[in-house]
N, C-alpha and C. Protein backbone atom coordinates (compact mmCIF):
# COMPACT_ATOMS: atom_id res chain seq x y z
N PHE A 1 -7.01 82.59 87.12
CA PHE A 1 -8.44 82.05 87.05
C PHE A 1 -8.71 81.72 88.57
N LYS A 2 -9.92 82.36 88.59
CA LYS A 2 -10.26 82.40 89.96
C LYS A 2 -10.70 81.21 90.56
N GLY A 3 -11.51 80.28 89.96
CA GLY A 3 -11.84 79.13 90.21
C GLY A 3 -11.02 77.67 89.69
N ARG A 4 -11.40 76.69 90.33
CA ARG A 4 -10.62 75.49 89.73
C ARG A 4 -10.63 75.27 88.20
N VAL A 5 -9.12 74.63 87.74
CA VAL A 5 -9.33 74.76 86.14
C VAL A 5 -9.10 73.37 85.93
N GLN A 6 -10.32 72.22 85.44
CA GLN A 6 -9.94 71.15 84.96
C GLN A 6 -9.74 71.02 83.49
N ILE A 7 -8.98 69.98 83.14
CA ILE A 7 -8.82 69.30 82.13
C ILE A 7 -8.09 67.76 82.06
N ARG A 8 -9.32 67.54 81.99
CA ARG A 8 -9.33 65.79 82.26
C ARG A 8 -9.08 65.10 80.44
N ALA A 9 -8.18 63.88 80.78
CA ALA A 9 -8.58 62.99 80.05
C ALA A 9 -8.27 63.68 78.40
N CYS A 10 -7.36 64.26 78.17
CA CYS A 10 -7.40 65.13 77.13
C CYS A 10 -5.81 64.87 76.33
N GLU A 11 -5.54 65.04 74.73
CA GLU A 11 -4.38 64.98 74.85
C GLU A 11 -3.41 66.40 74.45
N LEU A 12 -2.45 67.33 74.90
CA LEU A 12 -2.14 68.62 74.71
C LEU A 12 -0.65 68.46 74.48
N TYR A 13 -0.74 69.06 72.81
CA TYR A 13 0.84 69.13 72.34
C TYR A 13 1.04 70.22 72.79
N ARG A 14 2.24 70.35 73.40
CA ARG A 14 3.44 71.83 73.62
C ARG A 14 2.62 72.42 74.52
N PRO A 15 1.79 72.08 75.65
CA PRO A 15 0.96 72.90 76.77
C PRO A 15 2.46 73.74 77.35
N TYR A 16 1.91 75.31 77.24
CA TYR A 16 2.92 76.13 77.78
C TYR A 16 1.61 77.22 78.91
N PHE A 17 2.13 77.12 80.24
CA PHE A 17 1.45 78.03 80.89
C PHE A 17 2.50 78.90 81.70
N GLY A 18 2.40 80.18 80.94
CA GLY A 18 3.12 81.15 81.43
C GLY A 18 3.26 82.11 82.61
N LYS A 19 4.11 83.26 82.40
CA LYS A 19 4.35 84.44 83.33
C LYS A 19 3.21 84.75 83.70
N GLY A 20 3.00 85.15 84.95
CA GLY A 20 1.78 85.96 85.79
C GLY A 20 0.67 85.54 85.67
N THR A 21 0.52 83.97 85.16
CA THR A 21 -0.78 83.13 85.04
C THR A 21 -0.71 83.04 86.38
N THR A 22 -2.13 82.96 86.98
CA THR A 22 -2.81 82.23 88.45
C THR A 22 -3.57 81.23 88.55
N PHE A 23 -3.33 80.36 89.07
CA PHE A 23 -4.77 79.26 89.07
C PHE A 23 -4.93 79.40 90.90
N ALA A 24 -5.85 80.63 91.35
CA ALA A 24 -6.54 80.31 92.50
C ALA A 24 -6.98 79.39 93.30
N GLU A 25 -6.98 78.30 92.57
CA GLU A 25 -7.89 77.54 93.25
C GLU A 25 -7.25 76.17 92.32
N GLY A 26 -6.28 76.17 91.89
CA GLY A 26 -5.65 75.14 91.13
C GLY A 26 -6.01 74.67 89.53
N LEU A 27 -4.91 73.74 89.56
CA LEU A 27 -4.93 73.13 87.90
C LEU A 27 -5.06 71.77 87.63
N ASP A 28 -5.93 70.94 87.52
CA ASP A 28 -6.30 69.65 87.28
C ASP A 28 -6.37 68.77 86.32
N LEU A 29 -4.80 68.67 85.99
CA LEU A 29 -4.77 67.60 84.52
C LEU A 29 -4.58 66.02 84.72
N ARG A 30 -5.12 65.38 85.52
CA ARG A 30 -5.54 64.37 85.95
C ARG A 30 -5.83 63.41 84.49
N THR A 31 -5.54 62.43 84.21
CA THR A 31 -5.60 61.38 83.10
C THR A 31 -5.37 62.17 81.97
N CYS A 32 -4.54 62.97 81.49
CA CYS A 32 -4.24 63.85 80.08
C CYS A 32 -2.88 63.01 79.80
N ARG A 33 -2.80 63.42 78.30
CA ARG A 33 -0.96 62.97 77.83
C ARG A 33 -1.02 64.29 77.36
N LEU A 34 0.24 64.64 77.82
CA LEU A 34 0.92 65.76 77.63
C LEU A 34 2.31 65.97 76.70
N TYR A 35 2.43 66.37 75.61
CA TYR A 35 3.59 66.03 74.86
C TYR A 35 4.64 67.47 74.92
N THR A 36 5.70 67.55 75.96
CA THR A 36 6.82 68.67 75.88
C THR A 36 6.00 69.50 76.65
N LEU A 37 5.55 69.26 78.10
CA LEU A 37 4.97 70.20 79.38
C LEU A 37 6.15 71.55 79.80
N THR A 38 5.66 72.80 79.36
CA THR A 38 6.31 73.73 80.30
C THR A 38 5.72 74.66 81.11
N ILE A 39 5.91 74.96 82.37
CA ILE A 39 5.53 75.93 83.10
C ILE A 39 6.19 76.67 83.76
N GLU A 40 6.18 78.45 83.38
CA GLU A 40 6.83 79.27 83.87
C GLU A 40 6.45 80.06 84.59
N GLY A 41 6.92 80.84 85.98
CA GLY A 41 6.37 81.67 86.23
C GLY A 41 4.95 81.73 87.08
N VAL A 42 4.12 80.66 87.29
CA VAL A 42 2.94 80.45 87.60
C VAL A 42 2.88 80.25 89.09
N ASN A 43 1.60 81.04 89.53
CA ASN A 43 1.31 80.68 91.05
C ASN A 43 0.01 79.65 91.27
N PHE A 44 0.24 78.80 91.94
CA PHE A 44 -0.91 77.61 92.07
C PHE A 44 -1.37 77.58 93.51
N GLY A 45 -2.20 78.80 93.38
CA GLY A 45 -3.08 78.77 94.91
C GLY A 45 -3.86 77.77 95.53
N GLY A 46 -4.18 76.77 94.53
CA GLY A 46 -4.62 74.96 95.15
C GLY A 46 -3.49 74.46 94.77
N SER A 47 -3.77 73.35 94.13
CA SER A 47 -3.20 72.10 93.89
C SER A 47 -2.90 71.98 92.26
N LEU A 48 -1.59 71.52 91.86
CA LEU A 48 -1.36 71.19 90.39
C LEU A 48 -1.74 69.55 91.03
N ARG A 49 -2.73 68.98 89.76
CA ARG A 49 -2.37 67.65 89.92
C ARG A 49 -2.22 67.13 88.42
N LEU A 50 -1.85 65.99 88.53
CA LEU A 50 -0.99 65.07 87.07
C LEU A 50 -1.23 64.01 87.43
N ASP A 51 -2.24 63.26 88.45
CA ASP A 51 -2.28 62.15 88.94
C ASP A 51 -2.67 61.24 87.42
N ASN A 52 -2.11 60.61 87.40
CA ASN A 52 -2.23 59.46 85.96
C ASN A 52 -2.16 60.07 84.67
N ALA A 53 -1.19 61.13 84.98
CA ALA A 53 -0.68 61.58 83.37
C ALA A 53 -0.07 61.06 82.65
N VAL A 54 0.50 61.23 81.85
CA VAL A 54 1.56 60.91 80.98
C VAL A 54 2.06 61.97 80.35
N VAL A 55 3.35 62.01 80.77
CA VAL A 55 4.12 63.50 79.96
C VAL A 55 4.96 62.32 79.15
N ASP A 56 4.94 63.08 77.89
CA ASP A 56 5.32 62.59 76.77
C ASP A 56 6.92 63.79 76.62
N ARG A 57 8.30 63.26 76.44
CA ARG A 57 9.06 64.29 76.25
C ARG A 57 9.49 64.99 77.19
N ASN A 58 9.99 65.89 77.28
CA ASN A 58 10.42 66.83 78.38
C ASN A 58 9.39 67.53 79.14
N ALA A 59 9.48 67.74 80.68
CA ALA A 59 8.65 68.54 81.00
C ALA A 59 9.81 69.44 81.93
N ARG A 60 9.21 70.79 81.99
CA ARG A 60 10.18 71.85 82.86
C ARG A 60 9.30 72.92 83.58
N CYS A 61 9.46 73.17 84.58
CA CYS A 61 8.91 74.22 85.18
C CYS A 61 9.89 75.32 86.11
N ARG A 62 9.51 76.41 86.08
CA ARG A 62 10.63 77.27 86.15
C ARG A 62 9.86 78.43 87.04
N LYS A 63 10.28 78.62 88.31
CA LYS A 63 9.86 79.96 89.07
C LYS A 63 8.64 80.06 89.02
N CYS A 64 8.13 78.63 89.71
CA CYS A 64 6.73 78.59 90.48
C CYS A 64 6.51 78.39 91.52
N GLU A 65 5.02 78.88 92.15
CA GLU A 65 4.64 78.73 93.65
C GLU A 65 3.52 77.56 93.46
N PHE A 66 3.61 76.69 94.41
CA PHE A 66 2.63 75.58 94.53
C PHE A 66 2.30 75.72 95.80
N GLU A 67 0.70 75.63 96.01
CA GLU A 67 0.29 75.20 97.11
C GLU A 67 0.51 73.78 97.91
N ASP A 68 0.45 73.15 96.87
CA ASP A 68 0.34 71.57 96.61
C ASP A 68 0.45 71.25 95.27
N LEU A 69 1.01 69.73 95.42
CA LEU A 69 1.44 68.94 94.15
C LEU A 69 1.76 68.02 94.07
N ARG A 70 0.48 67.17 93.24
CA ARG A 70 0.36 66.16 93.22
C ARG A 70 0.50 65.26 92.29
N LEU A 71 1.54 64.20 91.95
CA LEU A 71 1.95 63.52 91.15
C LEU A 71 1.33 61.65 90.98
N TRP A 72 0.65 61.66 91.55
CA TRP A 72 0.32 60.11 91.64
C TRP A 72 0.49 59.71 90.59
N GLN A 73 1.09 58.33 90.59
CA GLN A 73 0.99 57.39 89.41
C GLN A 73 1.42 58.34 87.76
N ALA A 74 1.82 59.14 87.86
CA ALA A 74 2.09 59.91 86.85
C ALA A 74 3.37 59.30 86.34
N GLN A 75 3.30 59.13 84.69
CA GLN A 75 4.19 58.72 84.11
C GLN A 75 5.07 59.77 83.25
N PHE A 76 6.42 59.99 83.31
CA PHE A 76 6.89 60.85 82.50
C PHE A 76 8.11 59.79 81.40
N SER A 77 8.17 60.39 80.58
CA SER A 77 9.15 59.49 79.58
C SER A 77 10.51 60.00 79.36
N GLN A 78 10.48 61.42 79.68
CA GLN A 78 11.92 61.84 79.72
C GLN A 78 12.20 62.67 81.05
N TRP A 79 13.10 63.67 80.64
CA TRP A 79 13.54 64.38 81.96
C TRP A 79 12.38 65.38 82.31
N VAL A 80 12.51 65.94 83.72
CA VAL A 80 11.64 66.34 84.44
C VAL A 80 12.90 67.44 85.15
N ASP A 81 12.53 68.67 85.03
CA ASP A 81 13.02 69.40 85.74
C ASP A 81 12.30 70.46 86.44
N PHE A 82 12.41 70.51 87.83
CA PHE A 82 11.76 71.90 88.29
C PHE A 82 13.05 72.81 89.12
N THR A 83 12.64 73.86 88.75
CA THR A 83 14.37 74.95 88.48
C THR A 83 13.39 76.06 89.33
N ASP A 84 13.94 76.68 90.53
CA ASP A 84 13.23 77.53 91.53
C ASP A 84 12.27 77.64 91.81
N CYS A 85 11.52 76.65 92.39
CA CYS A 85 10.24 76.84 92.57
C CYS A 85 10.08 76.71 94.04
N GLU A 86 8.67 77.05 94.57
CA GLU A 86 8.67 76.86 96.07
C GLU A 86 7.18 76.16 96.25
N PHE A 87 7.43 75.22 97.27
CA PHE A 87 6.24 74.69 97.70
C PHE A 87 5.67 74.75 99.12
N LYS A 88 4.50 75.51 98.95
CA LYS A 88 4.04 75.88 100.38
C LYS A 88 3.82 74.78 101.22
N GLY A 89 2.95 74.09 100.84
CA GLY A 89 2.48 72.78 100.90
C GLY A 89 3.15 71.46 101.03
N ARG A 90 2.45 70.14 100.70
CA ARG A 90 2.94 69.16 100.22
C ARG A 90 3.23 68.98 99.05
N ALA A 91 4.23 68.73 98.77
CA ALA A 91 4.69 67.85 97.22
C ALA A 91 4.73 66.60 97.35
N ASP A 92 3.36 66.11 97.13
CA ASP A 92 3.12 64.11 96.97
C ASP A 92 3.64 64.35 95.63
N LEU A 93 4.75 63.25 95.44
CA LEU A 93 5.08 62.25 94.54
C LEU A 93 5.06 61.22 94.60
N ARG A 94 4.06 60.73 95.29
CA ARG A 94 4.20 59.12 95.49
C ARG A 94 3.75 58.38 94.12
N SER A 95 5.00 57.39 93.97
CA SER A 95 3.91 56.04 92.60
C SER A 95 4.13 56.78 91.36
N PHE A 96 4.92 57.51 91.10
CA PHE A 96 5.30 58.33 90.07
C PHE A 96 6.59 57.48 89.15
N ASN A 97 6.23 57.59 88.21
CA ASN A 97 7.57 56.78 87.31
C ASN A 97 8.09 57.92 86.58
N ALA A 98 9.61 58.15 86.43
CA ALA A 98 10.53 58.91 85.49
C ALA A 98 11.16 57.64 84.92
N ASP A 99 11.23 57.76 83.44
CA ASP A 99 11.92 56.81 82.40
C ASP A 99 13.30 57.00 82.28
N GLU A 100 13.61 58.74 82.55
CA GLU A 100 14.81 59.36 82.62
C GLU A 100 14.94 59.59 83.86
N GLY A 101 15.39 61.10 84.16
CA GLY A 101 15.94 61.71 85.11
C GLY A 101 14.62 62.78 85.77
N PHE A 102 14.76 63.05 87.15
CA PHE A 102 13.67 63.79 87.58
C PHE A 102 14.70 64.71 88.37
N GLU A 103 14.61 65.88 88.36
CA GLU A 103 15.29 67.24 88.99
C GLU A 103 14.58 68.10 89.52
N PHE A 104 15.30 68.75 91.21
CA PHE A 104 14.58 69.89 91.62
C PHE A 104 16.04 70.88 91.84
N ARG A 105 16.16 71.84 91.40
CA ARG A 105 17.26 72.64 91.46
C ARG A 105 17.10 73.94 92.02
N GLY A 106 17.42 74.26 93.08
CA GLY A 106 17.14 75.66 93.94
C GLY A 106 15.75 75.83 94.06
N CYS A 107 15.20 74.86 94.46
CA CYS A 107 13.68 74.74 95.16
C CYS A 107 13.53 74.94 96.58
N ARG A 108 12.78 75.27 96.92
CA ARG A 108 12.58 75.34 98.11
C ARG A 108 10.79 74.78 98.75
N PHE A 109 10.91 73.89 99.84
CA PHE A 109 9.78 72.94 100.01
C PHE A 109 9.50 73.34 101.63
N LEU A 110 8.34 73.90 101.90
CA LEU A 110 8.01 74.01 103.30
C LEU A 110 7.41 73.36 103.86
N GLY A 111 6.69 72.46 103.25
CA GLY A 111 6.23 71.23 103.68
C GLY A 111 6.65 69.43 103.40
N ASP A 112 5.92 69.10 103.89
CA ASP A 112 6.72 67.27 103.32
C ASP A 112 6.62 67.39 101.90
N VAL A 113 7.56 66.13 101.52
CA VAL A 113 7.95 65.63 100.32
C VAL A 113 7.54 64.49 100.15
N LEU A 114 6.84 63.65 99.80
CA LEU A 114 6.58 62.29 99.62
C LEU A 114 6.61 61.70 98.37
N VAL A 115 7.77 60.95 98.25
CA VAL A 115 8.32 60.11 97.15
C VAL A 115 8.32 58.43 97.48
N ARG A 116 7.68 58.38 98.18
CA ARG A 116 7.35 56.79 98.72
C ARG A 116 6.89 56.21 97.15
N GLY A 117 7.20 55.05 96.84
CA GLY A 117 6.89 54.20 95.87
C GLY A 117 7.46 54.88 94.37
N ALA A 118 7.88 55.74 94.63
CA ALA A 118 8.21 56.15 92.92
C ALA A 118 9.26 55.59 92.73
N SER A 119 9.43 55.80 91.16
CA SER A 119 10.56 54.93 90.52
C SER A 119 11.41 55.50 89.79
N VAL A 120 12.55 56.14 89.45
CA VAL A 120 13.22 56.78 88.56
C VAL A 120 14.42 56.29 88.11
N ALA A 121 14.22 56.27 86.73
CA ALA A 121 15.44 55.17 86.02
C ALA A 121 16.95 55.76 86.25
N LYS A 122 17.15 56.98 86.24
CA LYS A 122 18.09 57.74 85.74
C LYS A 122 18.64 58.77 87.21
N LYS A 123 19.59 59.98 86.81
CA LYS A 123 19.36 60.55 87.71
C LYS A 123 18.56 61.39 88.94
N PHE A 124 18.39 61.34 90.14
CA PHE A 124 17.31 61.85 90.86
C PHE A 124 18.12 62.78 91.49
N ASN A 125 17.93 64.21 91.23
CA ASN A 125 18.36 65.15 91.94
C ASN A 125 17.72 66.85 92.71
N PHE A 126 18.21 66.83 93.75
CA PHE A 126 18.04 67.73 94.45
C PHE A 126 18.78 69.03 94.99
N GLY A 127 19.53 69.09 94.16
CA GLY A 127 20.65 70.06 94.11
C GLY A 127 20.19 71.14 94.45
N ASP A 128 20.81 72.32 95.44
CA ASP A 128 20.53 73.47 95.94
C ASP A 128 19.38 73.39 96.37
N SER A 129 18.31 72.78 96.81
CA SER A 129 17.29 72.56 97.21
C SER A 129 17.03 73.08 99.14
N ARG A 130 16.01 73.59 99.35
CA ARG A 130 16.03 73.66 101.02
C ARG A 130 14.96 72.35 101.36
N PHE A 131 14.85 72.08 102.42
CA PHE A 131 13.70 71.14 102.87
C PHE A 131 13.36 71.75 104.41
N GLU A 132 12.57 71.94 104.90
CA GLU A 132 11.30 72.53 105.71
C GLU A 132 11.22 71.27 107.22
N GLY A 133 10.34 70.32 105.78
CA GLY A 133 9.68 69.11 106.70
C GLY A 133 10.49 67.54 106.38
N THR A 134 9.58 66.62 106.36
CA THR A 134 10.08 65.09 106.07
C THR A 134 10.34 64.94 104.39
N VAL A 135 11.36 64.59 104.05
CA VAL A 135 11.36 63.90 102.68
C VAL A 135 11.36 62.40 102.87
N ASP A 136 10.09 61.76 102.36
CA ASP A 136 9.85 60.50 102.72
C ASP A 136 10.35 59.76 101.23
N PHE A 137 11.40 58.72 101.26
CA PHE A 137 11.82 58.04 100.18
C PHE A 137 11.18 56.55 100.57
N SER A 138 10.32 56.17 101.34
CA SER A 138 10.01 54.76 101.87
C SER A 138 9.78 54.12 100.33
N LYS A 139 10.11 52.91 100.16
CA LYS A 139 9.75 51.96 98.80
C LYS A 139 9.85 52.74 97.64
N ALA A 140 10.77 53.70 97.68
CA ALA A 140 10.94 54.37 96.27
C ALA A 140 12.08 53.42 95.66
N LYS A 141 12.13 53.55 94.26
CA LYS A 141 13.02 52.68 93.62
C LYS A 141 13.79 53.45 92.48
N LEU A 142 15.07 53.52 93.17
CA LEU A 142 15.97 54.77 92.91
C LEU A 142 17.33 54.04 92.29
N HIS A 143 16.97 54.03 90.68
CA HIS A 143 18.23 53.09 89.91
C HIS A 143 19.41 54.00 89.46
N ASP A 144 19.81 54.78 89.74
CA ASP A 144 20.82 55.06 89.37
C ASP A 144 21.23 56.40 90.57
N TYR A 145 22.13 57.39 90.13
CA TYR A 145 22.64 58.28 91.53
C TYR A 145 21.29 58.84 91.81
N THR A 146 21.19 59.05 93.29
CA THR A 146 20.12 60.31 93.73
C THR A 146 20.78 60.88 94.71
N TYR A 147 21.06 62.47 94.54
CA TYR A 147 21.55 63.69 94.84
C TYR A 147 20.81 64.43 95.90
N LEU A 148 21.27 64.58 96.98
CA LEU A 148 20.86 65.21 98.17
C LEU A 148 22.18 66.23 98.77
N GLU A 149 22.92 66.06 98.21
CA GLU A 149 24.38 67.09 98.14
C GLU A 149 23.70 68.67 97.80
N ASP A 150 24.51 69.12 99.00
CA ASP A 150 24.42 70.77 98.59
C ASP A 150 22.65 71.49 98.91
N VAL A 151 22.21 70.27 99.35
CA VAL A 151 20.69 70.65 99.94
C VAL A 151 20.95 71.64 101.32
N GLU A 152 19.78 72.68 101.46
CA GLU A 152 20.07 73.04 103.17
C GLU A 152 18.39 72.62 103.72
N LEU A 153 18.72 72.24 104.79
CA LEU A 153 17.93 71.73 105.77
C LEU A 153 17.66 72.76 106.96
N GLY A 154 15.98 72.37 106.90
CA GLY A 154 15.77 73.60 108.13
C GLY A 154 15.47 72.88 109.31
N GLU A 155 15.04 73.68 110.49
CA GLU A 155 15.40 73.01 111.82
C GLU A 155 14.16 71.17 111.84
N LYS A 156 13.42 71.55 110.61
CA LYS A 156 12.53 70.09 111.14
C LYS A 156 12.91 69.35 110.17
N ALA A 157 13.62 69.07 108.83
CA ALA A 157 13.70 68.44 107.90
C ALA A 157 14.21 67.24 108.74
N ARG A 158 14.00 65.92 108.01
CA ARG A 158 14.05 64.82 108.08
C ARG A 158 14.14 64.00 106.85
N PHE A 159 14.92 62.67 106.91
CA PHE A 159 14.96 61.98 106.04
C PHE A 159 14.36 60.28 106.13
N ALA A 160 13.35 59.89 105.33
CA ALA A 160 13.08 58.64 105.61
C ALA A 160 13.49 57.66 104.50
N PHE A 161 13.99 56.45 104.78
CA PHE A 161 14.25 55.54 103.45
C PHE A 161 14.03 53.80 103.81
N SER A 162 12.56 53.89 104.76
CA SER A 162 12.24 52.47 105.08
C SER A 162 11.69 51.58 103.57
N ASN A 163 12.63 50.68 103.99
CA ASN A 163 12.95 49.67 102.35
C ASN A 163 12.95 50.41 101.10
N THR A 164 13.84 51.53 101.02
CA THR A 164 14.09 52.05 99.89
C THR A 164 15.17 51.10 98.89
N ILE A 165 15.01 50.94 97.55
CA ILE A 165 15.95 50.76 97.01
C ILE A 165 16.72 51.48 96.17
N GLY A 166 18.22 51.93 96.58
CA GLY A 166 18.80 52.62 95.91
C GLY A 166 19.97 52.37 95.57
N ASP A 167 20.66 52.77 94.51
CA ASP A 167 21.79 52.44 93.99
C ASP A 167 23.05 53.30 94.67
N ARG A 168 22.65 54.14 94.36
CA ARG A 168 23.82 55.07 95.03
C ARG A 168 23.07 56.63 95.28
N ILE A 169 22.93 56.74 96.77
CA ILE A 169 22.29 57.93 97.38
C ILE A 169 23.16 58.61 98.22
N LEU A 170 23.85 60.24 97.64
CA LEU A 170 25.08 60.89 97.91
C LEU A 170 24.21 62.02 98.98
N ILE A 171 24.63 61.54 100.05
CA ILE A 171 24.02 62.95 101.06
C ILE A 171 24.85 64.07 101.60
N GLY A 172 24.60 65.09 101.57
CA GLY A 172 25.55 66.13 102.19
C GLY A 172 25.01 67.59 102.44
N ALA A 173 25.42 67.96 103.31
CA ALA A 173 24.78 69.35 103.38
C ALA A 173 25.37 70.45 104.13
């Protein structure tokens, strides 16, 4: 897709965005209700926007490239898994709510990761991911284990935890 793709305020059952797909100007799924979201091998030249979206059931994203990701006030009812993805710009995860767990495994973040005000009920895992910028957990509510073990840190990587509520944050690099 050469232009921006917008699908707003819709209910999508088992949406699958597959290998070889490119959204040159991004994909906008704001205010959608998505049931079992799967994204594999997709290149987002613009941003993937899930602001105010509701994702029922599991969400998986594997081997994707993002110029920008925005999850403002998105609601996730079950597990969310990003595996082997690259985030070239900012990953804006502010104020999302996950009723289960949220994982980034083997991902690379070249820009800042904003988790400010997010709420995760169970495990929040960044295992085997690499950070080049700031990871900001300010005012986040992390109710179970948050794993920052086995992460790689670039020269300019840093963490911010101002007013974070975290039961158990395990850090190791």
